[in-house]
Amino acid sequence: MNKKQQTFYTNPEIPEGINTSASHPIVTFIKLFSAIAIILAVSAWLLAQSGDYLASLIPYSKEVQLASQYELPASENDSADIQLYLENLTAHISDAMDLPAGMEIYPHYVDDEIENAFATLGGHIFLYKGLLSKLKNENAISMVIAHEIAHIKHRDPIRSVGQSVAISAGFMFLLGKSEVNLLGSAGLYTQLKFSRDMETASDIEGLNALVKIYGHANGATDLFQLLSRLTDDELIKEPTFFVTHPLGDNRVKNIEAIAKENQWSLDKATKPLPKGFSLWLAQ
């Protein structure tokens, strides 16, 4: 065999540390974990936006049908006086808020001591004894009701459910799960989480309604001053009016700034509650 055609194979020695990363394992783990977290966060945001948009296209009549399939949270139907007062006040406020044709609002009084109120599917709003007992004039109660009506007018409940369902469905698909009840028996209510933008828009709409009814904005800040005094333990109950609300002085300052910009008075006399109001709550 010609020497030029000879091929020699050798087994070179492998250098030390060739399979060892230059980065510390913890650093590598943090980078991988951060990348996965970012991907999941972006995916959840995209799913939420898609669910929000698709849900907003659902006709309101279909939303009412959907809500009728689920049991509503317990309300106190025997408290005829307080229930009738809230119904009349809600009807008066609804008339001032230019609701779309066919959109009806159904207030429910709940005999529970927690400071709570919320809007849900199908035009239902729930007002709790604990909250009503701490609001000292009709203007403040009207602000609560107007705020919740604004959520319904803006279709926030169905949009919130759409976001939750889209996120749940997306991740269930990724995990390979099937035949899962996305909403659950209480899902229509426990999944209602309104964004800060939704809350701000409802604040503005509610404030406009308050001025339209009473001629001034006094009473609007009573609610938010109450919220700022509640403890963390009092804010964790669901479905809650408070979870996504910006609380404290910033909320009050925002209301005051809007009122000042529109030259709405915040110091005119508020309308007193009916004489029997405290007795109605005591019943």
C-alpha atoms as a PDB file:
ATOM      1  CA  MET A   1       0.000   0.000   0.000  1.00  0.00           C
ATOM      2  CA  ASN A   2       1.276   3.394  -0.954  1.00  0.00           C
ATOM      3  CA  LYS A   3       2.250   5.389   2.110  1.00  0.00           C
ATOM      4  CA  LYS A   4       0.354   8.385   0.750  1.00  0.00           C
ATOM      5  CA  GLN A   5      -2.824   6.293   0.781  1.00  0.00           C
ATOM      6  CA  GLN A   6      -2.402   5.170   4.346  1.00  0.00           C
ATOM      7  CA  THR A   7      -4.818   6.690   6.886  1.00  0.00           C
ATOM      8  CA  PHE A   8      -3.973   6.659  10.537  1.00  0.00           C
ATOM      9  CA  TYR A   9      -6.734   6.864  13.174  1.00  0.00           C
ATOM     10  CA  THR A  10      -5.976   8.056  16.621  1.00  0.00           C
ATOM     11  CA  ASN A  11      -7.997   8.357  19.802  1.00  0.00           C
ATOM     12  CA  PRO A  12      -7.189  11.846  21.112  1.00  0.00           C
ATOM     13  CA  GLU A  13      -7.617  12.600  24.760  1.00  0.00           C
ATOM     14  CA  ILE A  14     -10.814  14.577  25.519  1.00  0.00           C
ATOM     15  CA  PRO A  15     -10.131  17.904  27.216  1.00  0.00           C
ATOM     16  CA  GLU A  16     -11.308  18.353  30.802  1.00  0.00           C
ATOM     17  CA  GLY A  17     -14.679  20.100  31.319  1.00  0.00           C
ATOM     18  CA  ILE A  18     -15.834  19.903  27.686  1.00  0.00           C
ATOM     19  CA  ASN A  19     -19.394  19.022  28.804  1.00  0.00           C
ATOM     20  CA  THR A  20     -19.487  21.495  31.676  1.00  0.00           C
ATOM     21  CA  SER A  21     -21.350  24.773  31.253  1.00  0.00           C
ATOM     22  CA  ALA A  22     -19.499  27.959  31.978  1.00  0.00           C
ATOM     23  CA  SER A  23     -22.580  29.226  33.863  1.00  0.00           C
ATOM     24  CA  HIS A  24     -23.547  28.123  37.348  1.00  0.00           C
ATOM     25  CA  PRO A  25     -26.454  25.577  37.332  1.00  0.00           C
ATOM     26  CA  ILE A  26     -28.620  27.934  39.378  1.00  0.00           C
ATOM     27  CA  VAL A  27     -28.100  30.735  36.849  1.00  0.00           C
ATOM     28  CA  THR A  28     -29.045  28.374  34.029  1.00  0.00           C
ATOM     29  CA  PHE A  29     -32.152  27.271  35.917  1.00  0.00           C
ATOM     30  CA  ILE A  30     -33.212  30.877  36.540  1.00  0.00           C
ATOM     31  CA  LYS A  31     -32.812  31.723  32.847  1.00  0.00           C
ATOM     32  CA  LEU A  32     -34.879  28.708  31.750  1.00  0.00           C
ATOM     33  CA  PHE A  33     -37.537  29.351  34.402  1.00  0.00           C
ATOM     34  CA  SER A  34     -37.768  33.024  33.425  1.00  0.00           C
ATOM     35  CA  ALA A  35     -38.117  32.157  29.739  1.00  0.00           C
ATOM     36  CA  ILE A  36     -40.918  29.671  30.478  1.00  0.00           C
ATOM     37  CA  ALA A  37     -42.665  32.175  32.767  1.00  0.00           C
ATOM     38  CA  ILE A  38     -42.534  34.871  30.074  1.00  0.00           C
ATOM     39  CA  ILE A  39     -43.904  32.480  27.447  1.00  0.00           C
ATOM     40  CA  LEU A  40     -46.756  31.441  29.760  1.00  0.00           C
ATOM     41  CA  ALA A  41     -47.543  35.049  30.674  1.00  0.00           C
ATOM     42  CA  VAL A  42     -47.639  36.162  27.038  1.00  0.00           C
ATOM     43  CA  SER A  43     -49.755  33.132  26.125  1.00  0.00           C
ATOM     44  CA  ALA A  44     -52.211  33.862  28.946  1.00  0.00           C
ATOM     45  CA  TRP A  45     -52.454  37.523  27.864  1.00  0.00           C
ATOM     46  CA  LEU A  46     -53.132  36.583  24.249  1.00  0.00           C
ATOM     47  CA  LEU A  47     -55.750  34.026  25.299  1.00  0.00           C
ATOM     48  CA  ALA A  48     -57.405  36.568  27.594  1.00  0.00           C
ATOM     49  CA  GLN A  49     -57.559  39.197  24.849  1.00  0.00           C
ATOM     50  CA  SER A  50     -59.041  36.665  22.431  1.00  0.00           C
ATOM     51  CA  GLY A  51     -61.604  35.514  24.987  1.00  0.00           C
ATOM     52  CA  ASP A  52     -62.516  39.098  25.823  1.00  0.00           C
ATOM     53  CA  TYR A  53     -63.107  40.000  22.183  1.00  0.00           C
ATOM     54  CA  LEU A  54     -65.097  36.870  21.332  1.00  0.00           C
ATOM     55  CA  ALA A  55     -67.245  37.177  24.469  1.00  0.00           C
ATOM     56  CA  SER A  56     -68.060  40.805  23.660  1.00  0.00           C
ATOM     57  CA  LEU A  57     -69.632  39.589  20.399  1.00  0.00           C
ATOM     58  CA  ILE A  58     -72.155  37.403  22.234  1.00  0.00           C
ATOM     59  CA  PRO A  59     -75.623  39.043  22.048  1.00  0.00           C
ATOM     60  CA  TYR A  60     -76.910  40.212  25.406  1.00  0.00           C
ATOM     61  CA  SER A  61     -79.965  37.982  25.033  1.00  0.00           C
ATOM     62  CA  LYS A  62     -77.662  34.953  24.874  1.00  0.00           C
ATOM     63  CA  GLU A  63     -75.866  36.162  27.996  1.00  0.00           C
ATOM     64  CA  VAL A  64     -79.215  36.262  29.821  1.00  0.00           C
ATOM     65  CA  GLN A  65     -79.934  32.699  28.701  1.00  0.00           C
ATOM     66  CA  LEU A  66     -76.518  31.570  29.901  1.00  0.00           C
ATOM     67  CA  ALA A  67     -77.012  33.187  33.310  1.00  0.00           C
ATOM     68  CA  SER A  68     -80.414  31.512  33.714  1.00  0.00           C
ATOM     69  CA  GLN A  69     -78.730  28.083  33.636  1.00  0.00           C
ATOM     70  CA  TYR A  70     -76.869  28.769  36.872  1.00  0.00           C
ATOM     71  CA  GLU A  71     -78.120  29.242  40.386  1.00  0.00           C
ATOM     72  CA  LEU A  72     -77.813  32.814  41.595  1.00  0.00           C
ATOM     73  CA  PRO A  73     -76.145  33.592  44.928  1.00  0.00           C
ATOM     74  CA  ALA A  74     -78.659  33.592  47.768  1.00  0.00           C
ATOM     75  CA  SER A  75     -80.624  36.803  48.186  1.00  0.00           C
ATOM     76  CA  GLU A  76     -82.976  37.865  50.942  1.00  0.00           C
ATOM     77  CA  ASN A  77     -86.382  37.877  49.271  1.00  0.00           C
ATOM     78  CA  ASP A  78     -88.280  38.361  52.555  1.00  0.00           C
ATOM     79  CA  SER A  79     -86.851  41.858  53.126  1.00  0.00           C
ATOM     80  CA  ALA A  80     -89.619  43.472  51.099  1.00  0.00           C
ATOM     81  CA  ASP A  81     -88.985  47.080  52.155  1.00  0.00           C
ATOM     82  CA  ILE A  82     -85.261  47.220  51.437  1.00  0.00           C
ATOM     83  CA  GLN A  83     -85.651  45.151  48.273  1.00  0.00           C
ATOM     84  CA  LEU A  84     -88.391  47.432  46.944  1.00  0.00           C
ATOM     85  CA  TYR A  85     -86.320  50.526  47.758  1.00  0.00           C
ATOM     86  CA  LEU A  86     -83.285  49.123  45.897  1.00  0.00           C
ATOM     87  CA  GLU A  87     -85.436  48.133  42.922  1.00  0.00           C
ATOM     88  CA  ASN A  88     -86.945  51.621  42.633  1.00  0.00           C
ATOM     89  CA  LEU A  89     -83.569  53.315  43.053  1.00  0.00           C
ATOM     90  CA  THR A  90     -81.953  50.996  40.502  1.00  0.00           C
ATOM     91  CA  ALA A  91     -84.731  51.677  37.977  1.00  0.00           C
ATOM     92  CA  HIS A  92     -84.255  55.433  38.442  1.00  0.00           C
ATOM     93  CA  ILE A  93     -80.494  55.148  37.952  1.00  0.00           C
ATOM     94  CA  SER A  94     -80.884  52.845  34.946  1.00  0.00           C
ATOM     95  CA  ASP A  95     -83.089  55.408  33.233  1.00  0.00           C
ATOM     96  CA  ALA A  96     -80.274  57.954  33.581  1.00  0.00           C
ATOM     97  CA  MET A  97     -77.602  55.684  32.106  1.00  0.00           C
ATOM     98  CA  ASP A  98     -78.917  55.146  28.548  1.00  0.00           C
ATOM     99  CA  LEU A  99     -78.763  51.367  28.636  1.00  0.00           C
ATOM    100  CA  PRO A 100     -79.013  49.448  25.346  1.00  0.00           C
ATOM    101  CA  ALA A 101     -82.465  48.245  24.328  1.00  0.00           C
ATOM    102  CA  GLY A 102     -83.414  45.030  26.082  1.00  0.00           C
ATOM    103  CA  MET A 103     -80.895  45.390  28.908  1.00  0.00           C
ATOM    104  CA  GLU A 104     -82.676  45.041  32.247  1.00  0.00           C
ATOM    105  CA  ILE A 105     -81.031  45.402  35.664  1.00  0.00           C
ATOM    106  CA  TYR A 106     -82.098  43.188  38.566  1.00  0.00           C
ATOM    107  CA  PRO A 107     -80.894  44.274  42.032  1.00  0.00           C
ATOM    108  CA  HIS A 108     -80.739  41.728  44.852  1.00  0.00           C
ATOM    109  CA  TYR A 109     -80.402  42.494  48.547  1.00  0.00           C
ATOM    110  CA  VAL A 110     -78.216  39.996  50.428  1.00  0.00           C
ATOM    111  CA  ASP A 111     -78.584  39.785  54.205  1.00  0.00           C
ATOM    112  CA  ASP A 112     -74.900  39.302  54.951  1.00  0.00           C
ATOM    113  CA  GLU A 113     -72.595  41.466  57.054  1.00  0.00           C
ATOM    114  CA  ILE A 114     -69.678  41.571  54.604  1.00  0.00           C
ATOM    115  CA  GLU A 115     -68.971  44.861  52.839  1.00  0.00           C
ATOM    116  CA  ASN A 116     -69.618  43.701  49.314  1.00  0.00           C
ATOM    117  CA  ALA A 117     -71.410  44.397  46.049  1.00  0.00           C
ATOM    118  CA  PHE A 118     -70.924  42.982  42.563  1.00  0.00           C
ATOM    119  CA  ALA A 119     -72.401  42.740  39.084  1.00  0.00           C
ATOM    120  CA  THR A 120     -72.734  39.487  37.206  1.00  0.00           C
ATOM    121  CA  LEU A 121     -74.191  37.996  34.044  1.00  0.00           C
ATOM    122  CA  GLY A 122     -77.683  38.697  32.839  1.00  0.00           C
ATOM    123  CA  GLY A 123     -78.036  42.125  34.458  1.00  0.00           C
ATOM    124  CA  HIS A 124     -77.963  40.944  38.089  1.00  0.00           C
ATOM    125  CA  ILE A 125     -76.327  43.071  40.767  1.00  0.00           C
ATOM    126  CA  PHE A 126     -75.963  42.044  44.417  1.00  0.00           C
ATOM    127  CA  LEU A 127     -75.868  44.511  47.295  1.00  0.00           C
ATOM    128  CA  TYR A 128     -74.855  43.266  50.726  1.00  0.00           C
ATOM    129  CA  LYS A 129     -76.212  44.446  54.061  1.00  0.00           C
ATOM    130  CA  GLY A 130     -72.698  45.002  55.414  1.00  0.00           C
ATOM    131  CA  LEU A 131     -71.918  47.566  52.716  1.00  0.00           C
ATOM    132  CA  LEU A 132     -75.305  49.283  52.710  1.00  0.00           C
ATOM    133  CA  SER A 133     -75.209  49.744  56.476  1.00  0.00           C
ATOM    134  CA  LYS A 134     -71.969  51.745  56.229  1.00  0.00           C
ATOM    135  CA  LEU A 135     -73.108  54.154  53.520  1.00  0.00           C
ATOM    136  CA  LYS A 136     -74.817  57.117  55.151  1.00  0.00           C
ATOM    137  CA  ASN A 137     -76.672  58.788  52.274  1.00  0.00           C
ATOM    138  CA  GLU A 138     -78.554  57.838  49.140  1.00  0.00           C
ATOM    139  CA  ASN A 139     -75.942  59.429  46.869  1.00  0.00           C
ATOM    140  CA  ALA A 140     -73.291  56.965  48.050  1.00  0.00           C
ATOM    141  CA  ILE A 141     -75.588  53.973  47.525  1.00  0.00           C
ATOM    142  CA  SER A 142     -76.496  55.320  44.100  1.00  0.00           C
ATOM    143  CA  MET A 143     -72.788  55.495  43.233  1.00  0.00           C
ATOM    144  CA  VAL A 144     -72.406  51.812  44.090  1.00  0.00           C
ATOM    145  CA  ILE A 145     -75.429  50.846  42.008  1.00  0.00           C
ATOM    146  CA  ALA A 146     -74.428  53.080  39.079  1.00  0.00           C
ATOM    147  CA  HIS A 147     -70.923  51.619  39.109  1.00  0.00           C
ATOM    148  CA  GLU A 148     -72.297  48.072  38.943  1.00  0.00           C
ATOM    149  CA  ILE A 149     -74.795  48.993  36.226  1.00  0.00           C
ATOM    150  CA  ALA A 150     -71.886  50.449  34.241  1.00  0.00           C
ATOM    151  CA  HIS A 151     -70.122  47.071  34.393  1.00  0.00           C
ATOM    152  CA  ILE A 152     -73.198  45.438  32.894  1.00  0.00           C
ATOM    153  CA  LYS A 153     -73.592  48.185  30.286  1.00  0.00           C
ATOM    154  CA  HIS A 154     -69.963  47.687  29.217  1.00  0.00           C
ATOM    155  CA  ARG A 155     -70.492  43.873  29.123  1.00  0.00           C
ATOM    156  CA  ASP A 156     -67.700  43.389  31.666  1.00  0.00           C
ATOM    157  CA  PRO A 157     -69.155  40.218  33.278  1.00  0.00           C
ATOM    158  CA  ILE A 158     -69.346  38.246  30.007  1.00  0.00           C
ATOM    159  CA  ARG A 159     -65.950  39.590  28.939  1.00  0.00           C
ATOM    160  CA  SER A 160     -64.445  38.492  32.246  1.00  0.00           C
ATOM    161  CA  VAL A 161     -65.907  35.013  31.877  1.00  0.00           C
ATOM    162  CA  GLY A 162     -64.654  34.907  28.277  1.00  0.00           C
ATOM    163  CA  GLN A 163     -61.134  35.706  29.426  1.00  0.00           C
ATOM    164  CA  SER A 164     -61.202  32.999  32.108  1.00  0.00           C
ATOM    165  CA  VAL A 165     -62.653  30.374  29.788  1.00  0.00           C
ATOM    166  CA  ALA A 166     -60.142  31.139  27.031  1.00  0.00           C
ATOM    167  CA  ILE A 167     -57.188  30.880  29.417  1.00  0.00           C
ATOM    168  CA  SER A 168     -58.519  27.677  30.994  1.00  0.00           C
ATOM    169  CA  ALA A 169     -59.273  26.083  27.620  1.00  0.00           C
ATOM    170  CA  GLY A 170     -55.887  27.056  26.223  1.00  0.00           C
ATOM    171  CA  PHE A 171     -53.876  25.576  29.065  1.00  0.00           C
ATOM    172  CA  MET A 172     -56.082  22.499  29.261  1.00  0.00           C
ATOM    173  CA  PHE A 173     -55.345  21.929  25.581  1.00  0.00           C
ATOM    174  CA  LEU A 174     -51.615  22.261  26.242  1.00  0.00           C
ATOM    175  CA  LEU A 175     -51.865  19.817  29.140  1.00  0.00           C
ATOM    176  CA  GLY A 176     -53.909  17.360  27.123  1.00  0.00           C
ATOM    177  CA  LYS A 177     -56.949  17.450  29.389  1.00  0.00           C
ATOM    178  CA  SER A 178     -60.482  16.976  28.113  1.00  0.00           C
ATOM    179  CA  GLU A 179     -64.059  16.742  29.371  1.00  0.00           C
ATOM    180  CA  VAL A 180     -63.507  19.427  31.962  1.00  0.00           C
ATOM    181  CA  ASN A 181     -66.270  21.786  33.104  1.00  0.00           C
ATOM    182  CA  LEU A 182     -64.599  25.136  32.458  1.00  0.00           C
ATOM    183  CA  LEU A 183     -67.043  27.154  34.517  1.00  0.00           C
ATOM    184  CA  GLY A 184     -68.167  24.815  37.249  1.00  0.00           C
ATOM    185  CA  SER A 185     -71.354  25.266  39.237  1.00  0.00           C
ATOM    186  CA  ALA A 186     -70.190  28.610  40.643  1.00  0.00           C
ATOM    187  CA  GLY A 187     -67.847  29.599  37.848  1.00  0.00           C
ATOM    188  CA  LEU A 188     -69.990  32.383  36.501  1.00  0.00           C
ATOM    189  CA  TYR A 189     -69.482  34.280  39.725  1.00  0.00           C
ATOM    190  CA  THR A 190     -66.107  33.269  41.167  1.00  0.00           C
ATOM    191  CA  GLN A 191     -64.326  33.985  37.861  1.00  0.00           C
ATOM    192  CA  LEU A 192     -65.496  37.575  37.610  1.00  0.00           C
ATOM    193  CA  LYS A 193     -62.305  39.597  37.871  1.00  0.00           C
ATOM    194  CA  PHE A 194     -62.602  43.039  36.348  1.00  0.00           C
ATOM    195  CA  SER A 195     -59.461  44.789  35.139  1.00  0.00           C
ATOM    196  CA  ARG A 196     -58.359  48.189  36.393  1.00  0.00           C
ATOM    197  CA  ASP A 197     -59.409  49.686  33.046  1.00  0.00           C
ATOM    198  CA  MET A 198     -62.892  48.202  33.467  1.00  0.00           C
ATOM    199  CA  GLU A 199     -63.112  49.608  36.978  1.00  0.00           C
ATOM    200  CA  THR A 200     -61.975  53.073  35.951  1.00  0.00           C
ATOM    201  CA  ALA A 201     -64.466  53.184  33.083  1.00  0.00           C
ATOM    202  CA  SER A 202     -67.268  52.138  35.442  1.00  0.00           C
ATOM    203  CA  ASP A 203     -66.201  54.784  37.967  1.00  0.00           C
ATOM    204  CA  ILE A 204     -66.484  57.493  35.332  1.00  0.00           C
ATOM    205  CA  GLU A 205     -69.832  56.223  34.060  1.00  0.00           C
ATOM    206  CA  GLY A 206     -71.167  55.934  37.599  1.00  0.00           C
ATOM    207  CA  LEU A 207     -69.995  59.436  38.469  1.00  0.00           C
ATOM    208  CA  ASN A 208     -71.714  60.856  35.393  1.00  0.00           C
ATOM    209  CA  ALA A 209     -74.950  59.127  36.389  1.00  0.00           C
ATOM    210  CA  LEU A 210     -74.674  60.504  39.933  1.00  0.00           C
ATOM    211  CA  VAL A 211     -74.328  64.060  38.635  1.00  0.00           C
ATOM    212  CA  LYS A 212     -77.170  63.579  36.177  1.00  0.00           C
ATOM    213  CA  ILE A 213     -79.512  62.428  38.960  1.00  0.00           C
ATOM    214  CA  TYR A 214     -78.536  64.727  41.842  1.00  0.00           C
ATOM    215  CA  GLY A 215     -76.912  67.661  40.064  1.00  0.00           C
ATOM    216  CA  HIS A 216     -73.566  67.233  41.830  1.00  0.00           C
ATOM    217  CA  ALA A 217     -70.933  64.586  42.663  1.00  0.00           C
ATOM    218  CA  ASN A 218     -71.039  64.646  46.461  1.00  0.00           C
ATOM    219  CA  GLY A 219     -71.350  61.147  47.903  1.00  0.00           C
ATOM    220  CA  ALA A 220     -69.196  59.526  45.227  1.00  0.00           C
ATOM    221  CA  THR A 221     -66.078  59.471  47.401  1.00  0.00           C
ATOM    222  CA  ASP A 222     -67.905  58.063  50.448  1.00  0.00           C
ATOM    223  CA  LEU A 223     -67.669  54.575  49.011  1.00  0.00           C
ATOM    224  CA  PHE A 224     -63.950  54.761  48.258  1.00  0.00           C
ATOM    225  CA  GLN A 225     -63.124  56.249  51.619  1.00  0.00           C
ATOM    226  CA  LEU A 226     -64.891  53.250  53.129  1.00  0.00           C
ATOM    227  CA  LEU A 227     -62.886  50.873  50.942  1.00  0.00           C
ATOM    228  CA  SER A 228     -59.609  52.400  52.073  1.00  0.00           C
ATOM    229  CA  ARG A 229     -60.500  51.674  55.709  1.00  0.00           C
ATOM    230  CA  LEU A 230     -61.233  47.975  55.168  1.00  0.00           C
ATOM    231  CA  THR A 231     -58.615  45.459  56.243  1.00  0.00           C
ATOM    232  CA  ASP A 232     -57.008  42.876  53.974  1.00  0.00           C
ATOM    233  CA  ASP A 233     -59.101  40.128  55.615  1.00  0.00           C
ATOM    234  CA  GLU A 234     -62.254  42.005  54.663  1.00  0.00           C
ATOM    235  CA  LEU A 235     -61.135  42.363  51.044  1.00  0.00           C
ATOM    236  CA  ILE A 236     -60.544  38.698  50.180  1.00  0.00           C
ATOM    237  CA  LYS A 237     -64.128  37.474  49.937  1.00  0.00           C
ATOM    238  CA  GLU A 238     -65.327  36.529  46.455  1.00  0.00           C
ATOM    239  CA  PRO A 239     -66.953  37.447  44.191  1.00  0.00           C
ATOM    240  CA  THR A 240     -65.912  40.841  45.394  1.00  0.00           C
ATOM    241  CA  PHE A 241     -66.422  44.443  44.413  1.00  0.00           C
ATOM    242  CA  PHE A 242     -62.983  45.323  45.708  1.00  0.00           C
ATOM    243  CA  VAL A 243     -60.300  42.939  44.416  1.00  0.00           C
ATOM    244  CA  THR A 244     -59.272  44.860  41.306  1.00  0.00           C
ATOM    245  CA  HIS A 245     -60.155  48.308  42.547  1.00  0.00           C
ATOM    246  CA  PRO A 246     -57.340  50.793  43.101  1.00  0.00           C
ATOM    247  CA  LEU A 247     -57.978  51.624  46.727  1.00  0.00           C
ATOM    248  CA  GLY A 248     -57.133  54.460  49.076  1.00  0.00           C
ATOM    249  CA  ASP A 249     -56.284  58.062  48.429  1.00  0.00           C
ATOM    250  CA  ASN A 250     -55.513  57.570  44.730  1.00  0.00           C
ATOM    251  CA  ARG A 251     -59.079  56.471  44.073  1.00  0.00           C
ATOM    252  CA  VAL A 252     -60.526  59.452  45.889  1.00  0.00           C
ATOM    253  CA  LYS A 253     -58.103  61.843  44.169  1.00  0.00           C
ATOM    254  CA  ASN A 254     -59.108  60.477  40.781  1.00  0.00           C
ATOM    255  CA  ILE A 255     -62.790  61.108  41.513  1.00  0.00           C
ATOM    256  CA  GLU A 256     -62.001  64.598  42.790  1.00  0.00           C
ATOM    257  CA  ALA A 257     -59.926  65.381  39.692  1.00  0.00           C
ATOM    258  CA  ILE A 258     -62.747  64.317  37.367  1.00  0.00           C
ATOM    259  CA  ALA A 259     -65.248  66.377  39.346  1.00  0.00           C
ATOM    260  CA  LYS A 260     -62.977  69.431  39.296  1.00  0.00           C
ATOM    261  CA  GLU A 261     -62.359  69.096  35.556  1.00  0.00           C
ATOM    262  CA  ASN A 262     -66.112  69.038  34.920  1.00  0.00           C
ATOM    263  CA  GLN A 263     -66.881  71.641  37.619  1.00  0.00           C
ATOM    264  CA  TRP A 264     -69.037  69.186  39.569  1.00  0.00           C
ATOM    265  CA  SER A 265     -69.525  70.133  43.206  1.00  0.00           C
ATOM    266  CA  LEU A 266     -68.355  67.727  45.904  1.00  0.00           C
ATOM    267  CA  ASP A 267     -69.734  69.637  48.872  1.00  0.00           C
ATOM    268  CA  LYS A 268     -73.448  70.096  48.188  1.00  0.00           C
ATOM    269  CA  ALA A 269     -75.958  68.466  50.490  1.00  0.00           C
ATOM    270  CA  THR A 270     -76.575  64.771  49.914  1.00  0.00           C
ATOM    271  CA  LYS A 271     -79.991  63.131  49.920  1.00  0.00           C
ATOM    272  CA  PRO A 272     -80.745  61.376  53.232  1.00  0.00           C
ATOM    273  CA  LEU A 273     -81.747  57.749  53.335  1.00  0.00           C
ATOM    274  CA  PRO A 274     -85.404  56.871  54.003  1.00  0.00           C
ATOM    275  CA  LYS A 275     -86.346  57.140  57.686  1.00  0.00           C
ATOM    276  CA  GLY A 276     -86.952  53.414  57.972  1.00  0.00           C
ATOM    277  CA  PHE A 277     -83.721  52.379  56.231  1.00  0.00           C
ATOM    278  CA  SER A 278     -81.856  51.244  59.348  1.00  0.00           C
ATOM    279  CA  LEU A 279     -84.933  49.333  60.507  1.00  0.00           C
ATOM    280  CA  TRP A 280     -85.155  47.582  57.144  1.00  0.00           C
ATOM    281  CA  LEU A 281     -81.581  46.407  57.544  1.00  0.00           C
ATOM    282  CA  ALA A 282     -82.231  45.329  61.129  1.00  0.00           C
ATOM    283  CA  GLN A 283     -85.118  43.157  59.989  1.00  0.00           C
END
